[in-house]
């Protein structure tokens, strides 16, 4: 939900009151949760990346696949892991790990899992990677920058820096 922090005040009982303004109808949410404790996360809004950015990344991935003989889906999966900021790590009972991984991977090519040992007996830590369909403009920019760098190392032609800058500007609109 996109919103603005509207007001901050101090209540008589010493609690802080933060008012958030949004154009979305949040009446149902309020009615459901106004009498219980809730978890709240507030972060700077980022526009989602454009489909043009996604299309361009696949054009470059295809060129890398042709030059290296590596399937473009494999290159894409590696690039997604290298972006950073697109994971959650969860502790899961060992008997549930495979079901979680299978379900997560069905979301798309970039949706990946990595299983690691846990310090808790009978559990594993599972790193869940989100695919690029969830990336904001900053993450998509990093993904394309990484792919462009790989292309340049192999002598594969890419957009000029000016064209890349124009494409990145378009993502923020």
Protein backbone atom coordinates (compact mmCIF):
# COMPACT_ATOMS: atom_id res chain seq x y z
CA UNK A 1 0.00 0.00 0.00
CA UNK A 2 1.34 3.42 -0.91
CA UNK A 3 0.82 6.01 1.81
CA UNK A 4 2.31 9.13 3.41
CA UNK A 5 3.26 9.70 7.01
CA UNK A 6 0.86 12.49 7.94
CA UNK A 7 1.33 13.37 11.59
CA UNK A 8 3.24 12.37 14.70
CA UNK A 9 2.06 13.30 18.18
CA UNK A 10 2.55 12.26 21.78
CA UNK A 11 -0.51 10.96 23.65
CA UNK A 12 -1.17 11.76 27.30
CA UNK A 13 -0.23 8.21 28.28
CA UNK A 14 3.25 8.62 26.74
CA UNK A 15 2.58 6.60 23.56
CA UNK A 16 3.42 8.00 20.15
CA UNK A 17 0.59 8.36 17.65
CA UNK A 18 1.56 8.07 13.99
CA UNK A 19 -1.06 9.03 11.42
CA UNK A 20 -0.77 7.54 7.94
CA UNK A 21 -2.69 8.98 4.97
CA UNK A 22 -3.62 6.82 1.97
CA UNK A 23 -6.07 6.97 -0.90
CA UNK A 24 -6.89 3.27 -0.50
CA UNK A 25 -10.04 2.25 1.34
CA UNK A 26 -8.71 0.70 4.54
CA UNK A 27 -12.02 0.58 6.42
CA UNK A 28 -12.23 -3.21 6.41
CA UNK A 29 -8.63 -3.50 7.59
CA UNK A 30 -9.32 -1.04 10.39
CA UNK A 31 -12.52 -2.80 11.47
CA UNK A 32 -10.72 -6.13 11.55
CA UNK A 33 -7.60 -5.05 13.42
CA UNK A 34 -8.25 -1.85 15.40
CA UNK A 35 -8.60 -3.64 18.75
CA UNK A 36 -5.57 -5.97 18.50
CA UNK A 37 -1.81 -5.53 18.38
CA UNK A 38 -0.45 -5.51 14.82
CA UNK A 39 3.01 -5.70 13.27
CA UNK A 40 3.83 -2.63 11.20
CA UNK A 41 6.63 -2.07 8.70
CA UNK A 42 7.17 1.35 7.14
CA UNK A 43 9.72 1.81 4.37
CA UNK A 44 10.35 4.26 1.57
CA UNK A 45 8.05 3.63 -1.42
CA UNK A 46 9.70 2.49 -4.63
CA UNK A 47 7.96 2.26 -7.96
CA UNK A 48 7.81 -1.18 -9.51
CA UNK A 49 10.05 -1.71 -12.52
CA UNK A 50 8.63 -1.55 -16.03
CA UNK A 51 7.99 -4.51 -18.30
CA UNK A 52 10.53 -2.97 -20.71
CA UNK A 53 13.23 -3.55 -18.10
CA UNK A 54 12.17 -7.17 -17.78
CA UNK A 55 12.11 -7.64 -21.56
CA UNK A 56 15.57 -6.10 -21.95
CA UNK A 57 17.01 -8.37 -19.25
CA UNK A 58 15.73 -11.44 -21.15
CA UNK A 59 17.24 -10.18 -24.42
CA UNK A 60 20.62 -9.94 -22.71
CA UNK A 61 20.19 -13.31 -20.99
CA UNK A 62 19.51 -14.87 -24.40
CA UNK A 63 22.74 -13.36 -25.75
CA UNK A 64 24.68 -14.69 -22.75
CA UNK A 65 23.15 -18.14 -23.22
CA UNK A 66 24.15 -18.17 -26.88
CA UNK A 67 27.71 -17.06 -26.11
CA UNK A 68 28.29 -19.46 -23.21
CA UNK A 69 26.16 -22.47 -24.12
CA UNK A 70 24.51 -22.19 -20.71
CA UNK A 71 20.69 -22.25 -20.57
CA UNK A 72 19.34 -18.73 -20.09
CA UNK A 73 17.13 -19.93 -17.23
CA UNK A 74 20.27 -21.08 -15.38
CA UNK A 75 21.98 -17.73 -15.98
CA UNK A 76 18.85 -15.88 -14.84
CA UNK A 77 18.63 -17.93 -11.64
CA UNK A 78 22.27 -17.14 -10.83
CA UNK A 79 21.73 -13.43 -11.53
CA UNK A 80 18.65 -13.31 -9.29
CA UNK A 81 20.66 -14.78 -6.41
CA UNK A 82 23.35 -12.13 -6.95
CA UNK A 83 20.99 -9.11 -6.73
CA UNK A 84 20.65 -9.09 -2.94
CA UNK A 85 17.79 -7.83 -0.82
CA UNK A 86 15.37 -10.34 -2.35
CA UNK A 87 15.35 -13.14 0.22
CA UNK A 88 13.69 -14.31 3.38
CA UNK A 89 15.24 -16.96 5.61
CA UNK A 90 12.91 -19.21 7.56
CA UNK A 91 13.50 -22.02 10.03
CA UNK A 92 11.43 -25.05 9.07
CA UNK A 93 10.95 -28.52 10.51
CA UNK A 94 12.93 -31.01 8.42
CA UNK A 95 9.85 -32.95 7.37
CA UNK A 96 8.29 -29.78 5.88
CA UNK A 97 11.35 -28.53 3.95
CA UNK A 98 10.68 -30.34 0.66
CA UNK A 99 7.03 -29.27 0.56
CA UNK A 100 7.99 -25.63 1.18
CA UNK A 101 10.71 -25.71 -1.49
CA UNK A 102 8.47 -27.39 -4.07
CA UNK A 103 5.67 -24.88 -3.47
CA UNK A 104 8.00 -21.86 -3.54
CA UNK A 105 9.70 -22.95 -6.77
CA UNK A 106 6.31 -23.14 -8.53
CA UNK A 107 6.06 -19.33 -8.39
CA UNK A 108 8.46 -18.93 -11.32
CA UNK A 109 11.97 -19.53 -12.66
CA UNK A 110 13.65 -17.04 -10.33
CA UNK A 111 11.82 -18.23 -7.20
CA UNK A 112 14.48 -20.43 -5.65
CA UNK A 113 15.34 -22.03 -2.34
CA UNK A 114 18.56 -22.88 -0.60
CA UNK A 115 18.54 -25.26 2.37
CA UNK A 116 21.10 -24.94 5.18
CA UNK A 117 21.65 -26.55 8.54
CA UNK A 118 19.99 -25.00 11.58
CA UNK A 119 21.21 -24.92 15.15
CA UNK A 120 17.76 -26.15 16.16
CA UNK A 121 17.46 -29.94 16.23
CA UNK A 122 15.02 -31.32 13.66
CA UNK A 123 14.97 -28.08 11.67
CA UNK A 124 16.62 -26.57 8.59
CA UNK A 125 17.04 -22.96 7.54
CA UNK A 126 15.55 -22.28 4.11
CA UNK A 127 16.57 -19.20 2.13
CA UNK A 128 13.65 -18.15 -0.11
CA UNK A 129 14.66 -16.10 -3.17
CA UNK A 130 11.99 -13.93 -4.79
CA UNK A 131 11.99 -13.77 -8.59
CA UNK A 132 12.43 -10.53 -10.52
CA UNK A 133 8.65 -10.13 -10.94
CA UNK A 134 8.71 -8.74 -7.38
CA UNK A 135 11.74 -6.46 -7.86
CA UNK A 136 11.47 -2.73 -7.34
CA UNK A 137 13.36 -0.35 -9.64
CA UNK A 138 16.52 -0.44 -7.51
CA UNK A 139 16.71 -4.24 -7.57
CA UNK A 140 15.86 -4.43 -11.27
CA UNK A 141 18.54 -1.86 -11.98
CA UNK A 142 21.10 -4.01 -10.12
CA UNK A 143 19.95 -7.10 -12.02
CA UNK A 144 20.39 -5.42 -15.39
CA UNK A 145 23.70 -3.83 -14.37
CA UNK A 146 25.00 -7.29 -13.41
CA UNK A 147 23.79 -8.83 -16.67
CA UNK A 148 25.29 -5.95 -18.70
CA UNK A 149 28.62 -6.44 -16.90
CA UNK A 150 28.59 -10.15 -17.77
CA UNK A 151 27.81 -9.29 -21.40
CA UNK A 152 30.64 -6.77 -21.61
CA UNK A 153 33.10 -9.33 -20.23
CA UNK A 154 32.20 -11.57 -23.18
CA UNK A 155 32.21 -8.76 -25.75
CA UNK A 156 28.42 -8.83 -26.18
CA UNK A 157 26.94 -5.54 -27.34
CA UNK A 158 24.50 -3.83 -24.97
CA UNK A 159 22.71 -0.51 -24.85
CA UNK A 160 24.97 2.52 -24.48
CA UNK A 161 25.32 4.00 -20.98
CA UNK A 162 23.04 6.86 -22.10
CA UNK A 163 20.38 4.42 -23.32
CA UNK A 164 20.64 2.45 -20.08
CA UNK A 165 20.23 5.67 -18.08
CA UNK A 166 17.14 6.56 -20.12
CA UNK A 167 15.70 3.10 -19.53
CA UNK A 168 16.35 3.40 -15.80
CA UNK A 169 14.68 6.85 -15.73
CA UNK A 170 11.61 5.30 -17.33
CA UNK A 171 11.41 2.70 -14.53
CA UNK A 172 10.77 5.40 -11.94
CA UNK A 173 7.78 6.85 -13.77
